[in-house]
Amino acid sequence: MRGEVVRGHMRLAEPDEAGKVLWAAPEPLPSNTNAHPSESVRARLDGVGFTPHGR
């Protein structure tokens, strides 16, 4: 997974799905981080690829 800001500002597009948006240090991630983001960060730190659906 890779995120990229092309233009504009970071925003919470689904406020009913998340409590807040924040930049966090990759180790340790906040305890309430969802599985896909935390697994992708862990994979990136380990230098391996990650796809959310195993493809």
C-alpha atoms as a PDB file:
ATOM      1  CA  MET A   1       0.000   0.000   0.000  1.00  0.00           C
ATOM      2  CA  ARG A   2       1.269   3.437  -0.780  1.00  0.00           C
ATOM      3  CA  GLY A   3      -0.295   6.771  -0.077  1.00  0.00           C
ATOM      4  CA  GLU A   4       0.566   9.931  -1.912  1.00  0.00           C
ATOM      5  CA  VAL A   5      -0.705  13.489  -1.577  1.00  0.00           C
ATOM      6  CA  VAL A   6      -0.969  14.888  -5.069  1.00  0.00           C
ATOM      7  CA  ARG A   7      -2.643  18.136  -4.094  1.00  0.00           C
ATOM      8  CA  GLY A   8      -4.730  19.531  -1.297  1.00  0.00           C
ATOM      9  CA  HIS A   9      -4.651  18.605   2.363  1.00  0.00           C
ATOM     10  CA  MET A  10      -5.117  15.435   4.348  1.00  0.00           C
ATOM     11  CA  ARG A  11      -8.707  15.121   5.570  1.00  0.00           C
ATOM     12  CA  LEU A  12     -10.947  12.624   7.254  1.00  0.00           C
ATOM     13  CA  ALA A  13     -13.286  11.661   4.398  1.00  0.00           C
ATOM     14  CA  GLU A  14     -15.325   9.130   6.407  1.00  0.00           C
ATOM     15  CA  PRO A  15     -15.739  10.686   9.861  1.00  0.00           C
ATOM     16  CA  ASP A  16     -18.264   8.065  10.947  1.00  0.00           C
ATOM     17  CA  GLU A  17     -15.705   5.313  10.202  1.00  0.00           C
ATOM     18  CA  ALA A  18     -12.745   6.736  12.141  1.00  0.00           C
ATOM     19  CA  GLY A  19     -12.149   8.721  15.281  1.00  0.00           C
ATOM     20  CA  LYS A  20      -9.407  10.993  13.944  1.00  0.00           C
ATOM     21  CA  VAL A  21      -6.537  11.271  11.488  1.00  0.00           C
ATOM     22  CA  LEU A  22      -3.020  11.643  12.817  1.00  0.00           C
ATOM     23  CA  TRP A  23       0.591  11.134  11.854  1.00  0.00           C
ATOM     24  CA  ALA A  24       2.178   8.580  14.167  1.00  0.00           C
ATOM     25  CA  ALA A  25       5.614   7.062  14.604  1.00  0.00           C
ATOM     26  CA  PRO A  26       5.695   3.624  12.956  1.00  0.00           C
ATOM     27  CA  GLU A  27       6.921   1.924  16.133  1.00  0.00           C
ATOM     28  CA  PRO A  28       4.789   1.493  18.110  1.00  0.00           C
ATOM     29  CA  LEU A  29       1.621   2.310  16.198  1.00  0.00           C
ATOM     30  CA  PRO A  30      -1.396   3.407  18.241  1.00  0.00           C
ATOM     31  CA  SER A  31      -3.091   0.368  19.779  1.00  0.00           C
ATOM     32  CA  ASN A  32      -6.352   1.036  17.931  1.00  0.00           C
ATOM     33  CA  THR A  33      -4.771   0.941  14.431  1.00  0.00           C
ATOM     34  CA  ASN A  34      -6.744  -1.299  12.050  1.00  0.00           C
ATOM     35  CA  ALA A  35      -5.189  -4.526  10.747  1.00  0.00           C
ATOM     36  CA  HIS A  36      -4.458  -3.527   7.121  1.00  0.00           C
ATOM     37  CA  PRO A  37      -2.630  -0.284   7.960  1.00  0.00           C
ATOM     38  CA  SER A  38      -0.647  -1.868  10.775  1.00  0.00           C
ATOM     39  CA  GLU A  39       0.292  -4.904   8.642  1.00  0.00           C
ATOM     40  CA  SER A  40       1.374  -2.682   5.744  1.00  0.00           C
ATOM     41  CA  VAL A  41       3.532  -0.522   8.031  1.00  0.00           C
ATOM     42  CA  ARG A  42       5.083  -3.632   9.578  1.00  0.00           C
ATOM     43  CA  ALA A  43       5.813  -5.063   6.107  1.00  0.00           C
ATOM     44  CA  ARG A  44       7.374  -1.785   4.953  1.00  0.00           C
ATOM     45  CA  LEU A  45       9.621  -1.645   8.023  1.00  0.00           C
ATOM     46  CA  ASP A  46      10.649  -5.261   7.364  1.00  0.00           C
ATOM     47  CA  GLY A  47      11.425  -4.427   3.717  1.00  0.00           C
ATOM     48  CA  VAL A  48       8.797  -6.739   2.233  1.00  0.00           C
ATOM     49  CA  GLY A  49       5.819  -6.080  -0.023  1.00  0.00           C
ATOM     50  CA  PHE A  50       2.248  -6.056   1.225  1.00  0.00           C
ATOM     51  CA  THR A  51      -1.110  -6.362  -0.491  1.00  0.00           C
ATOM     52  CA  PRO A  52      -4.305  -6.203   1.561  1.00  0.00           C
ATOM     53  CA  HIS A  53      -5.852  -9.215  -0.157  1.00  0.00           C
ATOM     54  CA  GLY A  54      -2.774 -11.401  -0.668  1.00  0.00           C
ATOM     55  CA  ARG A  55      -2.519 -10.794  -4.423  1.00  0.00           C
END
